[in-house]
Amino acid sequence: RLEARAEHRILDVGCGAGNLLAQLPGVERHGIDLSEFMCKRAVERLGTSAKVIKGDAEHMPYEDASFDRIVSSSMLSHCLHPEKVIAEIRRVTKPGGRVVLSISDEDQIERGMGWARSLGLSGLLFGKDQRQTYNVEYHLHRFSLARLREVVGDQLTEITRTGVPFVFPVHSIVVYLRTK
């Protein structure tokens, strides 16, 4: 969905251990993450093939309009101010640049777990020793597609949205363009 090509300058916001960056082509690949530990893991994985920095997504140290492609996977629920992160993503995306954001739909996950419990399938699906609730204590915000659209507002133009998995989507991948 990123439609990244080798000539694109690519940024992974909340890059973690660099798993996505390792999959992407690009002459210039960048990653930013708040965790020093995860940045070290990304550097171990990517070596000098990408520039990974420890930094805050609410105040990214990049020039305006400096990236052709930006990806951020399941990161917004972990940020203090998701609206600021989106504003920064927009700021550093070139006009015409593509942004791919993904979120987990926690309401949908909890609904599915409720159905599994009511049908007596939770032990089979989640294991007999697993907690019977979806643990999101490490999330600062609950996200859904509606919440993502609210946070993004008119800063980026939505092109497509894909629910994953197709049958009972608990995750949304949304593709945007910076048109302004």
Protein backbone atom coordinates (compact mmCIF):
# COMPACT_ATOMS: atom_id res chain seq x y z
CA ARG A 1 0.00 0.00 0.00
CA LEU A 2 2.96 2.31 0.50
CA GLU A 3 3.89 1.89 -3.18
CA ALA A 4 7.49 2.59 -2.26
CA ARG A 5 10.11 2.62 -4.95
CA ALA A 6 13.89 2.69 -4.70
CA GLU A 7 14.07 6.41 -5.49
CA HIS A 8 11.71 7.33 -2.63
CA ARG A 9 12.84 8.81 0.64
CA ILE A 10 10.97 6.73 3.24
CA LEU A 11 10.25 7.29 6.95
CA ASP A 12 8.88 4.75 9.44
CA VAL A 13 7.41 6.64 12.42
CA GLY A 14 7.55 4.40 15.48
CA CYS A 15 9.88 2.04 13.63
CA GLY A 16 10.47 -0.29 16.56
CA ALA A 17 13.06 -2.92 15.66
CA GLY A 18 13.02 -1.94 11.98
CA ASN A 19 10.90 -4.83 10.73
CA LEU A 20 9.00 -2.73 8.19
CA LEU A 21 12.05 -0.77 7.05
CA ALA A 22 13.80 -4.06 6.33
CA GLN A 23 10.99 -4.92 3.88
CA LEU A 24 10.99 -1.60 2.01
CA PRO A 25 13.05 -0.53 -0.96
CA GLY A 26 14.61 2.85 -0.83
CA VAL A 27 17.81 4.67 -1.44
CA GLU A 28 17.13 6.58 1.72
CA ARG A 29 15.25 4.83 4.54
CA HIS A 30 14.73 6.50 7.91
CA GLY A 31 13.21 5.35 11.17
CA ILE A 32 12.32 7.20 14.34
CA ASP A 33 11.29 5.66 17.65
CA LEU A 34 11.03 6.92 21.21
CA SER A 35 12.61 3.77 22.64
CA GLU A 36 16.40 3.69 22.73
CA PHE A 37 16.25 -0.09 23.08
CA MET A 38 14.15 -0.49 19.92
CA CYS A 39 16.38 1.91 17.98
CA LYS A 40 19.39 -0.22 18.88
CA ARG A 41 17.56 -3.33 17.66
CA ALA A 42 16.68 -1.57 14.39
CA VAL A 43 20.31 -0.54 13.86
CA GLU A 44 21.41 -4.13 14.55
CA ARG A 45 18.91 -5.37 11.96
CA LEU A 46 19.46 -2.70 9.30
CA GLY A 47 23.09 -1.68 9.75
CA THR A 48 23.94 1.32 7.63
CA SER A 49 21.15 0.65 5.11
CA ALA A 50 18.83 2.95 7.10
CA LYS A 51 19.19 5.95 9.37
CA VAL A 52 17.46 5.23 12.68
CA ILE A 53 17.19 7.85 15.40
CA LYS A 54 15.74 8.04 18.87
CA GLY A 55 13.17 10.81 18.80
CA ASP A 56 9.69 11.99 19.62
CA ALA A 57 7.12 11.67 16.83
CA GLU A 58 5.41 14.81 18.15
CA HIS A 59 8.55 16.86 17.36
CA MET A 60 10.42 15.18 14.53
CA PRO A 61 13.84 16.62 13.61
CA TYR A 62 13.23 16.57 9.86
CA GLU A 63 12.80 19.40 7.36
CA ASP A 64 9.34 20.21 6.03
CA ALA A 65 8.26 18.15 3.02
CA SER A 66 11.28 15.85 3.18
CA PHE A 67 9.75 12.35 2.66
CA ASP A 68 7.99 10.74 -0.31
CA ARG A 69 6.54 7.89 1.75
CA ILE A 70 5.71 7.58 5.43
CA VAL A 71 4.45 4.56 7.30
CA SER A 72 3.34 4.27 10.91
CA SER A 73 2.05 0.92 12.12
CA SER A 74 -0.05 0.61 15.27
CA MET A 75 1.74 3.50 16.93
CA LEU A 76 -0.88 6.19 17.50
CA SER A 77 -2.47 4.49 20.52
CA HIS A 78 0.90 4.75 22.28
CA CYS A 79 1.37 8.53 21.78
CA LEU A 80 0.45 11.22 24.28
CA HIS A 81 -0.94 13.50 21.56
CA PRO A 82 -1.87 11.60 18.37
CA GLU A 83 -3.09 14.83 16.75
CA LYS A 84 0.43 16.29 17.08
CA VAL A 85 1.94 13.17 15.53
CA ILE A 86 -0.40 13.44 12.55
CA ALA A 87 0.47 17.13 12.15
CA GLU A 88 4.17 16.23 12.17
CA ILE A 89 3.65 13.41 9.69
CA ARG A 90 1.84 15.83 7.38
CA ARG A 91 4.56 18.44 7.83
CA VAL A 92 7.41 16.12 6.81
CA THR A 93 5.51 14.51 3.90
CA LYS A 94 6.13 16.01 0.46
CA PRO A 95 3.06 17.31 -1.39
CA GLY A 96 1.74 14.31 -3.30
CA GLY A 97 3.46 12.00 -0.82
CA ARG A 98 1.80 8.85 0.44
CA VAL A 99 1.18 8.02 4.11
CA VAL A 100 0.08 4.61 5.38
CA LEU A 101 -1.28 4.40 8.92
CA SER A 102 -2.54 1.33 10.72
CA ILE A 103 -4.51 0.97 13.93
CA SER A 104 -6.00 -1.87 15.93
CA ASP A 105 -9.74 -1.49 16.49
CA GLU A 106 -9.97 -2.29 20.17
CA ASP A 107 -13.78 -2.25 20.27
CA GLN A 108 -13.86 -4.83 17.48
CA ILE A 109 -11.24 -6.99 19.21
CA GLU A 110 -13.22 -6.93 22.45
CA ARG A 111 -16.46 -7.69 20.56
CA GLY A 112 -14.82 -10.74 18.95
CA MET A 113 -13.50 -11.93 22.29
CA GLY A 114 -16.99 -11.55 23.76
CA TRP A 115 -18.46 -13.64 20.96
CA ALA A 116 -15.79 -16.30 21.48
CA ARG A 117 -16.60 -16.41 25.22
CA SER A 118 -20.35 -16.59 24.62
CA LEU A 119 -19.87 -19.44 22.15
CA GLY A 120 -17.54 -21.29 24.54
CA LEU A 121 -14.60 -20.94 22.15
CA SER A 122 -12.30 -18.68 24.16
CA GLY A 123 -10.21 -21.55 25.58
CA LEU A 124 -9.77 -23.02 22.11
CA LEU A 125 -8.93 -19.68 20.47
CA PHE A 126 -6.94 -17.97 23.22
CA GLY A 127 -5.67 -20.86 25.35
CA LYS A 128 -7.03 -22.12 28.63
CA ASP A 129 -4.55 -20.14 30.72
CA GLN A 130 -4.96 -16.85 28.88
CA ARG A 131 -6.72 -13.86 30.41
CA GLN A 132 -10.28 -13.50 29.23
CA THR A 133 -9.91 -9.79 28.44
CA TYR A 134 -8.02 -7.86 25.82
CA ASN A 135 -5.12 -6.21 27.64
CA VAL A 136 -4.53 -2.67 26.42
CA GLU A 137 -3.00 -1.21 29.58
CA TYR A 138 0.01 -0.09 27.55
CA HIS A 139 -2.23 1.97 25.22
CA LEU A 140 -2.74 5.63 26.02
CA HIS A 141 -5.72 5.90 23.65
CA ARG A 142 -8.41 3.59 22.30
CA PHE A 143 -8.52 3.65 18.54
CA SER A 144 -11.08 2.76 15.94
CA LEU A 145 -11.43 3.77 12.32
CA ALA A 146 -13.74 6.61 13.39
CA ARG A 147 -11.18 7.85 15.94
CA LEU A 148 -8.38 7.69 13.34
CA ARG A 149 -10.47 9.73 10.91
CA GLU A 150 -11.18 12.23 13.66
CA VAL A 151 -7.48 12.59 14.52
CA VAL A 152 -6.37 12.91 10.89
CA GLY A 153 -9.19 15.31 10.03
CA ASP A 154 -8.48 17.26 6.85
CA GLN A 155 -4.69 17.19 7.23
CA LEU A 156 -4.39 14.27 4.81
CA THR A 157 -6.69 12.92 2.11
CA GLU A 158 -7.86 9.33 2.61
CA ILE A 159 -7.50 7.17 -0.50
CA THR A 160 -8.25 3.62 0.66
CA ARG A 161 -8.92 1.61 3.77
CA THR A 162 -8.42 -2.11 4.22
CA GLY A 163 -9.72 -4.17 7.13
CA VAL A 164 -7.55 -7.04 8.30
CA PRO A 165 -8.43 -9.87 8.46
CA PHE A 166 -11.07 -9.58 5.78
CA VAL A 167 -13.73 -11.71 7.54
CA PHE A 168 -13.66 -9.99 10.96
CA PRO A 169 -11.45 -6.91 10.66
CA VAL A 170 -9.74 -5.95 13.91
CA HIS A 171 -7.07 -3.86 12.24
CA SER A 172 -7.36 -1.04 9.70
CA ILE A 173 -4.72 0.02 7.20
CA VAL A 174 -5.51 3.44 5.76
CA VAL A 175 -3.70 5.07 2.86
CA TYR A 176 -3.53 8.85 2.64
CA LEU A 177 -2.08 11.47 0.32
CA ARG A 178 -0.78 14.84 1.30
CA THR A 179 -2.69 16.97 -1.17
CA LYS A 180 -2.18 20.44 0.31
